Amino acid sequence: MGDFIRSKMAAKASAAPARASCRADLVAARRKLCAAAKAVDAALKLDTDQMIDAARPLVAAARLLPDDPLE
């Protein structure tokens, strides 16, 4: 029984760095998505040819995202 508990604790400890890394990636992704949302808002306010130039990379990036990311 003690070996089982030790193995479970070891597995949990080895997964902790992976979770921390994933969490850091999620925080970085959220930061980039928030910046992109602000850029979209700014591009929509331009309403000129500048908007078209600003929108191209944002639209291309948005097309790569799934429609429902949690599915």
PDB file of N, CA and C in Angstrom:
ATOM      1  N   MET A   1       0.822  -1.192   0.000  1.00  0.00           N
ATOM      2  CA  MET A   1       0.000   0.000   0.000  1.00  0.00           C
ATOM      3  C   MET A   1       0.866   1.255   0.000  1.00  0.00           C
ATOM      4  N   GLY A   2       1.947   1.253   0.758  1.00  0.00           N
ATOM      5  CA  GLY A   2       2.830   2.408   0.816  1.00  0.00           C
ATOM      6  C   GLY A   2       3.461   2.704  -0.531  1.00  0.00           C
ATOM      7  N   ASP A   3       3.803   1.647  -1.297  1.00  0.00           N
ATOM      8  CA  ASP A   3       4.386   1.843  -2.627  1.00  0.00           C
ATOM      9  C   ASP A   3       3.390   2.519  -3.567  1.00  0.00           C
ATOM     10  N   PHE A   4       2.137   2.132  -3.449  1.00  0.00           N
ATOM     11  CA  PHE A   4       1.099   2.728  -4.291  1.00  0.00           C
ATOM     12  C   PHE A   4       0.987   4.232  -4.026  1.00  0.00           C
ATOM     13  N   ILE A   5       0.962   4.598  -2.766  1.00  0.00           N
ATOM     14  CA  ILE A   5       0.854   6.011  -2.392  1.00  0.00           C
ATOM     15  C   ILE A   5       2.081   6.777  -2.856  1.00  0.00           C
ATOM     16  N   ARG A   6       3.271   6.177  -2.676  1.00  0.00           N
ATOM     17  CA  ARG A   6       4.494   6.839  -3.130  1.00  0.00           C
ATOM     18  C   ARG A   6       4.489   7.034  -4.647  1.00  0.00           C
ATOM     19  N   SER A   7       4.012   6.029  -5.375  1.00  0.00           N
ATOM     20  CA  SER A   7       3.985   6.152  -6.835  1.00  0.00           C
ATOM     21  C   SER A   7       2.990   7.226  -7.278  1.00  0.00           C
ATOM     22  N   LYS A   8       1.851   7.325  -6.589  1.00  0.00           N
ATOM     23  CA  LYS A   8       0.873   8.367  -6.907  1.00  0.00           C
ATOM     24  C   LYS A   8       1.452   9.756  -6.623  1.00  0.00           C
ATOM     25  N   MET A   9       2.159   9.898  -5.508  1.00  0.00           N
ATOM     26  CA  MET A   9       2.762  11.179  -5.152  1.00  0.00           C
ATOM     27  C   MET A   9       3.849  11.554  -6.151  1.00  0.00           C
ATOM     28  N   ALA A  10       4.623  10.571  -6.587  1.00  0.00           N
ATOM     29  CA  ALA A  10       5.678  10.831  -7.565  1.00  0.00           C
ATOM     30  C   ALA A  10       5.074  11.254  -8.901  1.00  0.00           C
ATOM     31  N   ALA A  11       3.990  10.607  -9.302  1.00  0.00           N
ATOM     32  CA  ALA A  11       3.332  10.967 -10.560  1.00  0.00           C
ATOM     33  C   ALA A  11       2.781  12.386 -10.491  1.00  0.00           C
ATOM     34  N   LYS A  12       2.203  12.730  -9.351  1.00  0.00           N
ATOM     35  CA  LYS A  12       1.651  14.076  -9.186  1.00  0.00           C
ATOM     36  C   LYS A  12       2.768  15.120  -9.224  1.00  0.00           C
ATOM     37  N   ALA A  13       3.883  14.837  -8.579  1.00  0.00           N
ATOM     38  CA  ALA A  13       5.011  15.771  -8.553  1.00  0.00           C
ATOM     39  C   ALA A  13       5.612  15.946  -9.943  1.00  0.00           C
ATOM     40  N   SER A  14       5.656  14.866 -10.732  1.00  0.00           N
ATOM     41  CA  SER A  14       6.241  14.972 -12.069  1.00  0.00           C
ATOM     42  C   SER A  14       5.317  15.724 -13.020  1.00  0.00           C
ATOM     43  N   ALA A  15       4.023  15.757 -12.742  1.00  0.00           N
ATOM     44  CA  ALA A  15       3.081  16.468 -13.603  1.00  0.00           C
ATOM     45  C   ALA A  15       3.041  17.963 -13.288  1.00  0.00           C
ATOM     46  N   ALA A  16       3.501  18.350 -12.111  1.00  0.00           N
ATOM     47  CA  ALA A  16       3.428  19.754 -11.701  1.00  0.00           C
ATOM     48  C   ALA A  16       4.183  20.692 -12.652  1.00  0.00           C
ATOM     49  N   PRO A  17       5.412  20.370 -13.078  1.00  0.00           N
ATOM     50  CA  PRO A  17       6.099  21.272 -14.021  1.00  0.00           C
ATOM     51  C   PRO A  17       5.361  21.398 -15.354  1.00  0.00           C
ATOM     52  N   ALA A  18       4.754  20.303 -15.802  1.00  0.00           N
ATOM     53  CA  ALA A  18       4.003  20.359 -17.059  1.00  0.00           C
ATOM     54  C   ALA A  18       2.795  21.272 -16.923  1.00  0.00           C
ATOM     55  N   ARG A  19       2.104  21.189 -15.789  1.00  0.00           N
ATOM     56  CA  ARG A  19       0.952  22.067 -15.557  1.00  0.00           C
ATOM     57  C   ARG A  19       1.390  23.520 -15.464  1.00  0.00           C
ATOM     58  N   ALA A  20       2.499  23.769 -14.808  1.00  0.00           N
ATOM     59  CA  ALA A  20       3.001  25.142 -14.681  1.00  0.00           C
ATOM     60  C   ALA A  20       3.367  25.700 -16.054  1.00  0.00           C
ATOM     61  N   SER A  21       3.974  24.876 -16.881  1.00  0.00           N
ATOM     62  CA  SER A  21       4.345  25.304 -18.228  1.00  0.00           C
ATOM     63  C   SER A  21       3.098  25.588 -19.067  1.00  0.00           C
ATOM     64  N   CYS A  22       2.107  24.713 -18.955  1.00  0.00           N
ATOM     65  CA  CYS A  22       0.855  24.899 -19.692  1.00  0.00           C
ATOM     66  C   CYS A  22       0.156  26.168 -19.222  1.00  0.00           C
ATOM     67  N   ARG A  23       0.161  26.396 -17.921  1.00  0.00           N
ATOM     68  CA  ARG A  23      -0.469  27.604 -17.371  1.00  0.00           C
ATOM     69  C   ARG A  23       0.230  28.862 -17.898  1.00  0.00           C
ATOM     70  N   ALA A  24       1.552  28.826 -17.938  1.00  0.00           N
ATOM     71  CA  ALA A  24       2.308  29.969 -18.460  1.00  0.00           C
ATOM     72  C   ALA A  24       1.978  30.200 -19.935  1.00  0.00           C
ATOM     73  N   ASP A  25       1.831  29.115 -20.695  1.00  0.00           N
ATOM     74  CA  ASP A  25       1.461  29.244 -22.107  1.00  0.00           C
ATOM     75  C   ASP A  25       0.068  29.850 -22.256  1.00  0.00           C
ATOM     76  N   LEU A  26      -0.855  29.434 -21.382  1.00  0.00           N
ATOM     77  CA  LEU A  26      -2.213  29.979 -21.433  1.00  0.00           C
ATOM     78  C   LEU A  26      -2.232  31.470 -21.092  1.00  0.00           C
ATOM     79  N   VAL A  27      -1.446  31.862 -20.111  1.00  0.00           N
ATOM     80  CA  VAL A  27      -1.370  33.283 -19.736  1.00  0.00           C
ATOM     81  C   VAL A  27      -0.801  34.097 -20.897  1.00  0.00           C
ATOM     82  N   ALA A  28       0.231  33.570 -21.546  1.00  0.00           N
ATOM     83  CA  ALA A  28       0.822  34.268 -22.694  1.00  0.00           C
ATOM     84  C   ALA A  28      -0.175  34.350 -23.848  1.00  0.00           C
ATOM     85  N   ALA A  29      -0.926  33.274 -24.066  1.00  0.00           N
ATOM     86  CA  ALA A  29      -1.933  33.279 -25.132  1.00  0.00           C
ATOM     87  C   ALA A  29      -3.023  34.299 -24.837  1.00  0.00           C
ATOM     88  N   ARG A  30      -3.458  34.368 -23.573  1.00  0.00           N
ATOM     89  CA  ARG A  30      -4.479  35.351 -23.199  1.00  0.00           C
ATOM     90  C   ARG A  30      -3.970  36.771 -23.440  1.00  0.00           C
ATOM     91  N   ARG A  31      -2.717  37.007 -23.104  1.00  0.00           N
ATOM     92  CA  ARG A  31      -2.124  38.331 -23.300  1.00  0.00           C
ATOM     93  C   ARG A  31      -2.128  38.702 -24.787  1.00  0.00           C
ATOM     94  N   LYS A  32      -1.747  37.750 -25.643  1.00  0.00           N
ATOM     95  CA  LYS A  32      -1.718  38.011 -27.083  1.00  0.00           C
ATOM     96  C   LYS A  32      -3.126  38.222 -27.640  1.00  0.00           C
ATOM     97  N   LEU A  33      -4.090  37.425 -27.159  1.00  0.00           N
ATOM     98  CA  LEU A  33      -5.460  37.564 -27.645  1.00  0.00           C
ATOM     99  C   LEU A  33      -6.069  38.900 -27.224  1.00  0.00           C
ATOM    100  N   CYS A  34      -5.774  39.333 -26.013  1.00  0.00           N
ATOM    101  CA  CYS A  34      -6.268  40.646 -25.554  1.00  0.00           C
ATOM    102  C   CYS A  34      -5.662  41.767 -26.392  1.00  0.00           C
ATOM    103  N   ALA A  35      -4.376  41.660 -26.690  1.00  0.00           N
ATOM    104  CA  ALA A  35      -3.717  42.663 -27.532  1.00  0.00           C
ATOM    105  C   ALA A  35      -4.318  42.652 -28.937  1.00  0.00           C
ATOM    106  N   ALA A  36      -4.618  41.468 -29.447  1.00  0.00           N
ATOM    107  CA  ALA A  36      -5.229  41.372 -30.775  1.00  0.00           C
ATOM    108  C   ALA A  36      -6.625  41.981 -30.775  1.00  0.00           C
ATOM    109  N   ALA A  37      -7.387  41.762 -29.704  1.00  0.00           N
ATOM    110  CA  ALA A  37      -8.729  42.353 -29.616  1.00  0.00           C
ATOM    111  C   ALA A  37      -8.644  43.879 -29.609  1.00  0.00           C
ATOM    112  N   LYS A  38      -7.674  44.418 -28.905  1.00  0.00           N
ATOM    113  CA  LYS A  38      -7.491  45.877 -28.892  1.00  0.00           C
ATOM    114  C   LYS A  38      -7.092  46.381 -30.279  1.00  0.00           C
ATOM    115  N   ALA A  39      -6.259  45.609 -30.972  1.00  0.00           N
ATOM    116  CA  ALA A  39      -5.848  45.997 -32.322  1.00  0.00           C
ATOM    117  C   ALA A  39      -7.034  45.962 -33.280  1.00  0.00           C
ATOM    118  N   VAL A  40      -7.922  44.986 -33.113  1.00  0.00           N
ATOM    119  CA  VAL A  40      -9.124  44.911 -33.945  1.00  0.00           C
ATOM    120  C   VAL A  40     -10.002  46.135 -33.696  1.00  0.00           C
ATOM    121  N   ASP A  41     -10.198  46.477 -32.433  1.00  0.00           N
ATOM    122  CA  ASP A  41     -10.996  47.668 -32.102  1.00  0.00           C
ATOM    123  C   ASP A  41     -10.395  48.924 -32.730  1.00  0.00           C
ATOM    124  N   ALA A  42      -9.087  49.055 -32.653  1.00  0.00           N
ATOM    125  CA  ALA A  42      -8.411  50.221 -33.231  1.00  0.00           C
ATOM    126  C   ALA A  42      -8.554  50.230 -34.750  1.00  0.00           C
ATOM    127  N   ALA A  43      -8.435  49.061 -35.381  1.00  0.00           N
ATOM    128  CA  ALA A  43      -8.555  48.980 -36.837  1.00  0.00           C
ATOM    129  C   ALA A  43      -9.971  49.331 -37.286  1.00  0.00           C
ATOM    130  N   LEU A  44     -10.967  48.910 -36.517  1.00  0.00           N
ATOM    131  CA  LEU A  44     -12.352  49.229 -36.876  1.00  0.00           C
ATOM    132  C   LEU A  44     -12.637  50.726 -36.782  1.00  0.00           C
ATOM    133  N   LYS A  45     -11.948  51.407 -35.897  1.00  0.00           N
ATOM    134  CA  LYS A  45     -12.154  52.848 -35.743  1.00  0.00           C
ATOM    135  C   LYS A  45     -11.513  53.642 -36.880  1.00  0.00           C
ATOM    136  N   LEU A  46     -10.540  53.065 -37.579  1.00  0.00           N
ATOM    137  CA  LEU A  46      -9.843  53.792 -38.638  1.00  0.00           C
ATOM    138  C   LEU A  46     -10.756  54.088 -39.822  1.00  0.00           C
ATOM    139  N   ASP A  47     -11.483  53.056 -40.291  1.00  0.00           N
ATOM    140  CA  ASP A  47     -12.427  53.200 -41.395  1.00  0.00           C
ATOM    141  C   ASP A  47     -11.781  53.833 -42.630  1.00  0.00           C
ATOM    142  N   THR A  48     -10.566  53.415 -42.933  1.00  0.00           N
ATOM    143  CA  THR A  48      -9.847  53.913 -44.113  1.00  0.00           C
ATOM    144  C   THR A  48      -9.091  52.745 -44.730  1.00  0.00           C
ATOM    145  N   ASP A  49      -8.250  53.064 -45.704  1.00  0.00           N
ATOM    146  CA  ASP A  49      -7.407  52.024 -46.291  1.00  0.00           C
ATOM    147  C   ASP A  49      -6.421  51.478 -45.264  1.00  0.00           C
ATOM    148  N   GLN A  50      -6.109  52.299 -44.281  1.00  0.00           N
ATOM    149  CA  GLN A  50      -5.234  51.841 -43.195  1.00  0.00           C
ATOM    150  C   GLN A  50      -5.864  50.660 -42.470  1.00  0.00           C
ATOM    151  N   MET A  51      -7.199  50.681 -42.347  1.00  0.00           N
ATOM    152  CA  MET A  51      -7.896  49.598 -41.673  1.00  0.00           C
ATOM    153  C   MET A  51      -7.669  48.283 -42.412  1.00  0.00           C
ATOM    154  N   ILE A  52      -7.708  48.337 -43.738  1.00  0.00           N
ATOM    155  CA  ILE A  52      -7.526  47.126 -44.533  1.00  0.00           C
ATOM    156  C   ILE A  52      -6.137  46.548 -44.293  1.00  0.00           C
ATOM    157  N   ASP A  53      -5.126  47.406 -44.299  1.00  0.00           N
ATOM    158  CA  ASP A  53      -3.758  46.944 -44.060  1.00  0.00           C
ATOM    159  C   ASP A  53      -3.593  46.381 -42.651  1.00  0.00           C
ATOM    160  N   ALA A  54      -4.217  47.025 -41.683  1.00  0.00           N
ATOM    161  CA  ALA A  54      -4.115  46.562 -40.296  1.00  0.00           C
ATOM    162  C   ALA A  54      -4.903  45.278 -40.077  1.00  0.00           C
ATOM    163  N   ALA A  55      -5.971  45.105 -40.840  1.00  0.00           N
ATOM    164  CA  ALA A  55      -6.859  43.969 -40.611  1.00  0.00           C
ATOM    165  C   ALA A  55      -6.330  42.657 -41.177  1.00  0.00           C
ATOM    166  N   ARG A  56      -5.544  42.711 -42.222  1.00  0.00           N
ATOM    167  CA  ARG A  56      -5.126  41.471 -42.892  1.00  0.00           C
ATOM    168  C   ARG A  56      -4.490  40.444 -41.947  1.00  0.00           C
ATOM    169  N   PRO A  57      -3.453  40.795 -41.186  1.00  0.00           N
ATOM    170  CA  PRO A  57      -2.857  39.773 -40.310  1.00  0.00           C
ATOM    171  C   PRO A  57      -3.794  39.353 -39.176  1.00  0.00           C
ATOM    172  N   LEU A  58      -4.635  40.269 -38.721  1.00  0.00           N
ATOM    173  CA  LEU A  58      -5.564  39.922 -37.644  1.00  0.00           C
ATOM    174  C   LEU A  58      -6.630  38.949 -38.127  1.00  0.00           C
ATOM    175  N   VAL A  59      -7.145  39.180 -39.321  1.00  0.00           N
ATOM    176  CA  VAL A  59      -8.155  38.284 -39.885  1.00  0.00           C
ATOM    177  C   VAL A  59      -7.539  36.918 -40.173  1.00  0.00           C
ATOM    178  N   ALA A  60      -6.323  36.903 -40.695  1.00  0.00           N
ATOM    179  CA  ALA A  60      -5.649  35.629 -40.966  1.00  0.00           C
ATOM    180  C   ALA A  60      -5.452  34.831 -39.683  1.00  0.00           C
ATOM    181  N   ALA A  61      -5.071  35.500 -38.611  1.00  0.00           N
ATOM    182  CA  ALA A  61      -4.889  34.812 -37.328  1.00  0.00           C
ATOM    183  C   ALA A  61      -6.218  34.317 -36.780  1.00  0.00           C
ATOM    184  N   ALA A  62      -7.261  35.115 -36.914  1.00  0.00           N
ATOM    185  CA  ALA A  62      -8.577  34.718 -36.407  1.00  0.00           C
ATOM    186  C   ALA A  62      -9.120  33.511 -37.153  1.00  0.00           C
ATOM    187  N   ARG A  63      -8.809  33.400 -38.421  1.00  0.00           N
ATOM    188  CA  ARG A  63      -9.286  32.252 -39.210  1.00  0.00           C
ATOM    189  C   ARG A  63      -8.639  30.946 -38.756  1.00  0.00           C
ATOM    190  N   LEU A  64      -7.498  31.024 -38.125  1.00  0.00           N
ATOM    191  CA  LEU A  64      -6.825  29.820 -37.629  1.00  0.00           C
ATOM    192  C   LEU A  64      -7.454  29.288 -36.345  1.00  0.00           C
ATOM    193  N   LEU A  65      -8.209  30.137 -35.658  1.00  0.00           N
ATOM    194  CA  LEU A  65      -8.833  29.724 -34.403  1.00  0.00           C
ATOM    195  C   LEU A  65     -10.057  28.861 -34.680  1.00  0.00           C
ATOM    196  N   PRO A  66     -10.289  27.834 -33.851  1.00  0.00           N
ATOM    197  CA  PRO A  66     -11.498  27.024 -34.032  1.00  0.00           C
ATOM    198  C   PRO A  66     -12.744  27.835 -33.670  1.00  0.00           C
ATOM    199  N   ASP A  67     -13.883  27.454 -34.254  1.00  0.00           N
ATOM    200  CA  ASP A  67     -15.132  28.155 -33.951  1.00  0.00           C
ATOM    201  C   ASP A  67     -15.499  28.019 -32.481  1.00  0.00           C
ATOM    202  N   ASP A  68     -15.359  26.815 -31.938  1.00  0.00           N
ATOM    203  CA  ASP A  68     -15.637  26.586 -30.519  1.00  0.00           C
ATOM    204  C   ASP A  68     -14.421  25.885 -29.924  1.00  0.00           C
ATOM    205  N   PRO A  69     -13.519  26.629 -29.302  1.00  0.00           N
ATOM    206  CA  PRO A  69     -12.252  26.045 -28.843  1.00  0.00           C
ATOM    207  C   PRO A  69     -12.391  24.996 -27.745  1.00  0.00           C
ATOM    208  N   LEU A  70     -13.533  24.915 -27.086  1.00  0.00           N
ATOM    209  CA  LEU A  70     -13.686  23.953 -25.996  1.00  0.00           C
ATOM    210  C   LEU A  70     -14.278  22.633 -26.449  1.00  0.00           C
ATOM    211  N   GLU A  71     -14.556  22.488 -27.720  1.00  0.00           N
ATOM    212  CA  GLU A  71     -15.100  21.213 -28.201  1.00  0.00           C
ATOM    213  C   GLU A  71     -14.001  20.246 -28.507  1.00  0.00           C
TER     214      GLU A  71
END
